Amino acid sequence: MSQPMIEVENVSMRFNMAKEKVDSIKEMFIRRAKGTLKFEEFFALTNVSLRVEKGDVFGLVGLNGSGKSTLCKIIAGVMKPSQGSCRVYGSVAPLIELGAGFDPDLTARENVFLNGTVLGMKPSYLEERFDEIVEFSELHDFLDVAVKNYSSGMVARLAFSVATIMDPDVLICDEILSVGDFLFKEKCEKRISEMIERGTTVLLVSHDIGIVEQLCNKACWLSHGHVIAQGDCAGVVNDYQENAHIGFALEKESRQPEPREKQYVASAAAVKICEDEEIG
């Protein structure tokens, strides 16, 4: 069996959503003290399990709100799951949110060192690789401009350039390739391919199915925080494209997907239930 790099076991993530409008922090604390503050539980993830092995390029697919970004944040260590466990072996470079780890009032030059330090790089290492970061980002003329004045594409260039300069053991990309022009996407795909050749494990989230099919060898389909299917990328992506609209009903038919085989069987009853819910 290959060496695991990411192990997620029965992970659930619960959020408490206020059922009533609270106008101030003071009122919130008063209601909490009196026990009158009511919340509604929302599970962004429910009993999610997956295993990513060394050298895998693992894709996460699913409609908006399926829990992909929440799972990435748990794997990156940004969030702690409500239940279950998540283990990551080796260094991690997370690209899970544009501008995360950046100070918008600082310049790009200053943010290179700030963000790099957050990712665990030493200032001396960043100083040594600074020219390479700038060269890849193509932001030579904007290094001393505050990041708050950057477009989303420019922020993506800077974030990707810093995160991928250190050859991490695990690279997490959450929609980072969906921002920017096609030339930048080509550069990112080339760099990811080079990292893969060097043995980097990649966790990729994207709504661009073409990129997932091109780069990934394995994939997992999430729907409403549940795993619908996981295994060979081509099979998972094909099932996702054909059945995304009935994903949650399909999940009820198969809570424990088996890798490298047909992951689920949609019963007529499950499909009808989902269709009735959509009509209503």
Protein backbone atom coordinates (compact mmCIF):
# COMPACT_ATOMS: atom_id res chain seq x y z
CA MET A 1 0.00 0.00 0.00
CA SER A 2 1.26 3.46 -0.88
CA GLN A 3 2.23 6.02 1.74
CA PRO A 4 -0.73 8.16 2.89
CA MET A 5 -0.34 11.94 2.84
CA ILE A 6 -3.88 12.90 3.89
CA GLU A 7 -6.20 10.75 5.98
CA VAL A 8 -9.71 12.01 6.73
CA GLU A 9 -11.83 9.73 8.90
CA ASN A 10 -15.53 10.28 9.63
CA VAL A 11 -15.18 14.05 9.67
CA SER A 12 -18.25 16.17 10.39
CA MET A 13 -18.34 19.95 10.62
CA ARG A 14 -21.20 21.63 12.47
CA PHE A 15 -21.99 25.33 12.46
CA ASN A 16 -24.50 27.12 14.69
CA MET A 17 -26.66 29.60 12.80
CA ALA A 18 -28.61 32.18 14.81
CA LYS A 19 -32.36 31.79 14.35
CA GLU A 20 -33.07 35.36 15.47
CA LYS A 21 -31.58 38.70 14.48
CA VAL A 22 -29.18 40.15 17.04
CA ASP A 23 -28.43 43.86 16.66
CA SER A 24 -25.27 44.11 18.78
CA ILE A 25 -22.57 42.07 20.49
CA LYS A 26 -23.89 43.28 23.84
CA GLU A 27 -27.33 41.90 23.09
CA MET A 28 -25.81 38.61 21.96
CA PHE A 29 -23.94 38.16 25.26
CA ILE A 30 -27.04 39.11 27.28
CA ARG A 31 -29.17 36.56 25.42
CA ARG A 32 -26.48 33.91 25.78
CA ALA A 33 -26.21 34.57 29.52
CA LYS A 34 -29.99 34.26 29.90
CA GLY A 35 -30.07 31.16 27.71
CA THR A 36 -32.44 32.78 25.22
CA LEU A 37 -30.05 32.82 22.26
CA LYS A 38 -31.28 30.13 19.89
CA PHE A 39 -29.24 28.49 17.17
CA GLU A 40 -30.02 26.14 14.33
CA GLU A 41 -27.43 23.44 13.63
CA PHE A 42 -26.05 23.21 10.11
CA PHE A 43 -23.72 20.40 9.04
CA ALA A 44 -21.36 21.49 6.26
CA LEU A 45 -19.79 18.00 6.30
CA THR A 46 -21.20 14.70 7.54
CA ASN A 47 -19.09 11.57 8.11
CA VAL A 48 -16.60 12.35 5.34
CA SER A 49 -13.74 9.90 4.89
CA LEU A 50 -11.03 9.89 2.25
CA ARG A 51 -7.40 8.93 1.78
CA VAL A 52 -4.91 10.72 -0.45
CA GLU A 53 -1.67 8.85 -1.13
CA LYS A 54 1.77 10.20 -1.92
CA GLY A 55 1.99 11.50 -5.48
CA ASP A 56 -1.78 11.62 -6.00
CA VAL A 57 -3.43 14.56 -7.70
CA PHE A 58 -6.78 14.35 -5.95
CA GLY A 59 -9.74 16.36 -7.22
CA LEU A 60 -12.72 17.53 -5.18
CA VAL A 61 -15.84 18.17 -7.24
CA GLY A 62 -19.36 19.21 -6.33
CA LEU A 63 -21.88 21.99 -6.71
CA ASN A 64 -21.63 25.23 -4.74
CA GLY A 65 -22.28 24.63 -1.04
CA SER A 66 -21.28 20.98 -1.14
CA GLY A 67 -18.55 21.40 1.52
CA LYS A 68 -15.42 21.38 -0.64
CA SER A 69 -13.86 24.55 0.79
CA THR A 70 -14.75 23.55 4.35
CA LEU A 71 -12.97 20.21 3.85
CA CYS A 72 -9.92 22.01 2.42
CA LYS A 73 -9.75 24.30 5.47
CA ILE A 74 -9.91 21.32 7.80
CA ILE A 75 -7.12 19.54 5.91
CA ALA A 76 -5.04 22.74 5.91
CA GLY A 77 -5.46 23.04 9.68
CA VAL A 78 -7.41 26.31 9.49
CA MET A 79 -10.49 24.71 11.07
CA LYS A 80 -10.95 21.86 13.55
CA PRO A 81 -13.69 19.33 12.74
CA SER A 82 -16.63 18.93 15.09
CA GLN A 83 -16.23 15.14 14.87
CA GLY A 84 -13.72 12.75 13.34
CA SER A 85 -10.03 13.13 12.63
CA CYS A 86 -7.79 14.52 9.92
CA ARG A 87 -4.08 13.75 9.58
CA VAL A 88 -1.68 15.33 7.10
CA TYR A 89 1.90 14.10 6.73
CA GLY A 90 4.55 16.62 5.65
CA SER A 91 4.57 20.32 4.87
CA VAL A 92 1.43 21.93 3.47
CA ALA A 93 1.02 24.93 1.16
CA PRO A 94 -2.66 25.96 1.25
CA LEU A 95 -4.20 28.10 -1.48
CA ILE A 96 -7.68 27.96 -0.05
CA GLU A 97 -8.82 31.57 -0.24
CA LEU A 98 -7.56 34.46 -2.32
CA GLY A 99 -5.74 36.97 -0.13
CA ALA A 100 -5.70 34.72 2.95
CA GLY A 101 -2.54 35.54 4.87
CA PHE A 102 -2.16 38.90 3.12
CA ASP A 103 -2.45 42.33 4.74
CA PRO A 104 -4.33 44.52 2.21
CA ASP A 105 -2.64 47.68 3.47
CA LEU A 106 0.85 46.29 2.87
CA THR A 107 2.59 46.25 -0.49
CA ALA A 108 3.15 43.12 -2.54
CA ARG A 109 6.83 43.19 -1.58
CA GLU A 110 5.93 43.20 2.13
CA ASN A 111 3.23 40.59 1.71
CA VAL A 112 5.65 38.16 0.09
CA PHE A 113 7.52 38.00 3.40
CA LEU A 114 4.36 38.09 5.54
CA ASN A 115 2.58 35.32 3.64
CA GLY A 116 5.74 33.26 3.27
CA THR A 117 6.33 33.41 7.02
CA VAL A 118 2.74 32.30 7.67
CA LEU A 119 3.42 29.31 5.42
CA GLY A 120 6.49 28.42 7.48
CA MET A 121 9.28 29.84 5.31
CA LYS A 122 12.26 31.64 6.81
CA PRO A 123 12.93 35.28 5.82
CA SER A 124 16.37 34.29 4.53
CA TYR A 125 14.79 31.69 2.24
CA LEU A 126 12.24 34.22 0.95
CA GLU A 127 15.01 36.75 0.34
CA GLU A 128 16.94 34.14 -1.64
CA ARG A 129 13.92 33.17 -3.79
CA PHE A 130 12.35 36.65 -4.00
CA ASP A 131 13.32 37.27 -7.63
CA GLU A 132 11.83 33.92 -8.67
CA ILE A 133 8.55 34.77 -6.93
CA VAL A 134 8.37 38.13 -8.70
CA GLU A 135 9.33 36.62 -12.04
CA PHE A 136 6.57 34.04 -11.89
CA SER A 137 3.92 36.50 -10.71
CA GLU A 138 4.86 39.05 -13.39
CA LEU A 139 4.17 41.87 -10.92
CA HIS A 140 7.47 43.69 -11.33
CA ASP A 141 5.82 47.08 -11.83
CA PHE A 142 3.43 46.71 -8.88
CA LEU A 143 5.65 45.45 -6.06
CA ASP A 144 5.30 48.65 -4.04
CA VAL A 145 1.53 49.00 -4.53
CA ALA A 146 -0.81 48.08 -1.65
CA VAL A 147 -2.47 44.72 -2.24
CA LYS A 148 -5.91 46.26 -1.58
CA ASN A 149 -5.54 47.93 -4.97
CA TYR A 150 -4.89 44.63 -6.74
CA SER A 151 -7.43 42.83 -8.89
CA SER A 152 -8.41 39.27 -7.91
CA GLY A 153 -6.21 37.96 -10.72
CA MET A 154 -3.16 39.85 -9.41
CA VAL A 155 -3.78 38.55 -5.89
CA ALA A 156 -3.98 35.01 -7.31
CA ARG A 157 -0.66 35.47 -9.11
CA LEU A 158 1.06 36.63 -5.93
CA ALA A 159 -0.51 33.96 -3.70
CA PHE A 160 0.31 31.11 -6.08
CA SER A 161 3.86 32.36 -6.63
CA VAL A 162 4.63 32.45 -2.90
CA ALA A 163 2.92 29.17 -1.97
CA THR A 164 4.57 27.09 -4.69
CA ILE A 165 8.12 28.38 -4.36
CA MET A 166 8.99 26.02 -1.49
CA ASP A 167 8.17 22.58 -2.98
CA PRO A 168 5.67 21.51 -0.27
CA ASP A 169 4.78 17.88 0.38
CA VAL A 170 1.09 18.72 -0.02
CA LEU A 171 -0.35 21.53 -2.15
CA ILE A 172 -4.01 22.50 -1.62
CA CYS A 173 -5.58 24.54 -4.45
CA ASP A 174 -9.14 25.77 -3.92
CA GLU A 175 -10.38 27.40 -7.14
CA ILE A 176 -7.06 29.22 -7.53
CA LEU A 177 -6.92 28.31 -11.23
CA SER A 178 -10.35 29.82 -11.89
CA VAL A 179 -9.04 33.37 -11.48
CA GLY A 180 -6.80 35.12 -13.97
CA ASP A 181 -6.16 34.98 -17.68
CA PHE A 182 -5.51 31.84 -19.70
CA LEU A 183 -1.75 32.49 -19.87
CA PHE A 184 -1.54 32.54 -16.08
CA LYS A 185 -3.57 29.32 -15.90
CA GLU A 186 -1.14 27.66 -18.29
CA LYS A 187 1.80 28.75 -16.11
CA CYS A 188 0.08 27.42 -12.99
CA GLU A 189 -0.75 24.10 -14.64
CA LYS A 190 2.86 23.77 -15.83
CA ARG A 191 4.22 24.48 -12.35
CA ILE A 192 1.79 22.02 -10.76
CA SER A 193 2.86 19.40 -13.32
CA GLU A 194 6.51 20.03 -12.40
CA MET A 195 5.68 19.69 -8.70
CA ILE A 196 3.82 16.44 -9.38
CA GLU A 197 6.86 15.08 -11.21
CA ARG A 198 8.92 15.88 -8.11
CA GLY A 199 6.49 13.93 -5.93
CA THR A 200 4.24 16.67 -4.52
CA THR A 201 0.76 15.52 -3.56
CA VAL A 202 -1.97 17.88 -4.79
CA LEU A 203 -5.52 18.40 -3.54
CA LEU A 204 -7.38 20.34 -6.25
CA VAL A 205 -10.81 21.97 -6.00
CA SER A 206 -12.24 23.33 -9.23
CA HIS A 207 -15.52 23.78 -11.07
CA ASP A 208 -13.51 23.49 -14.29
CA ILE A 209 -14.01 19.80 -14.97
CA GLY A 210 -11.51 19.96 -17.84
CA ILE A 211 -8.70 20.89 -15.44
CA VAL A 212 -9.74 18.14 -13.00
CA GLU A 213 -9.73 15.54 -15.79
CA GLN A 214 -6.41 16.81 -17.13
CA LEU A 215 -4.49 16.90 -13.85
CA CYS A 216 -6.12 14.44 -11.43
CA ASN A 217 -5.80 10.68 -11.16
CA LYS A 218 -8.33 10.36 -8.32
CA ALA A 219 -11.38 12.36 -7.29
CA CYS A 220 -14.13 12.68 -4.71
CA TRP A 221 -17.65 13.99 -5.35
CA LEU A 222 -19.28 15.87 -2.47
CA SER A 223 -22.95 16.82 -2.27
CA HIS A 224 -24.56 18.61 0.70
CA GLY A 225 -21.54 17.67 2.81
CA HIS A 226 -21.74 13.94 2.01
CA VAL A 227 -19.41 11.78 -0.05
CA ILE A 228 -21.29 10.48 -3.08
CA ALA A 229 -18.39 8.79 -4.87
CA GLN A 230 -14.61 8.58 -4.80
CA GLY A 231 -11.96 6.68 -6.68
CA ASP A 232 -10.72 6.83 -10.27
CA CYS A 233 -11.03 10.41 -11.55
CA ALA A 234 -12.60 9.61 -14.91
CA GLY A 235 -15.39 7.52 -13.38
CA VAL A 236 -16.19 9.98 -10.58
CA VAL A 237 -16.24 12.99 -12.90
CA ASN A 238 -18.45 11.18 -15.41
CA ASP A 239 -20.95 10.22 -12.71
CA TYR A 240 -20.88 13.75 -11.27
CA GLN A 241 -21.64 15.35 -14.64
CA GLU A 242 -24.49 12.94 -15.32
CA ASN A 243 -26.07 12.89 -11.87
CA ALA A 244 -25.15 16.11 -10.02
CA HIS A 245 -28.81 17.14 -9.71
CA ILE A 246 -29.69 13.98 -7.76
CA GLY A 247 -26.46 13.66 -5.80
CA PHE A 248 -27.89 13.80 -2.27
CA ALA A 249 -30.54 11.18 -3.03
CA LEU A 250 -27.84 8.92 -4.47
CA GLU A 251 -25.75 9.35 -1.33
CA LYS A 252 -28.55 7.90 0.77
CA GLU A 253 -28.30 4.72 -1.29
CA SER A 254 -24.58 4.25 -0.64
CA ARG A 255 -23.01 5.71 2.50
CA GLN A 256 -19.76 3.75 2.08
CA PRO A 257 -18.37 4.07 -1.48
CA GLU A 258 -15.91 1.45 -2.70
CA PRO A 259 -12.90 2.68 -4.70
CA ARG A 260 -12.35 1.71 -8.33
CA GLU A 261 -15.86 0.33 -8.73
CA LYS A 262 -19.27 1.80 -9.49
CA GLN A 263 -19.75 3.91 -6.38
CA TYR A 264 -23.50 3.83 -5.99
CA VAL A 265 -26.80 2.61 -7.43
CA ALA A 266 -29.65 5.09 -7.71
CA SER A 267 -32.94 3.45 -6.86
CA ALA A 268 -36.08 4.69 -8.56
CA ALA A 269 -37.45 5.67 -5.16
CA ALA A 270 -34.41 7.82 -4.33
CA VAL A 271 -34.57 9.64 -7.64
CA LYS A 272 -38.32 10.23 -7.28
CA ILE A 273 -37.88 11.65 -3.76
CA CYS A 274 -35.26 14.11 -5.03
CA GLU A 275 -37.39 15.10 -8.04
CA ASP A 276 -40.40 15.72 -5.78
CA GLU A 277 -38.25 17.94 -3.55
CA GLU A 278 -37.04 19.93 -6.55
CA ILE A 279 -40.60 20.40 -7.84
CA GLY A 280 -41.78 21.61 -4.44
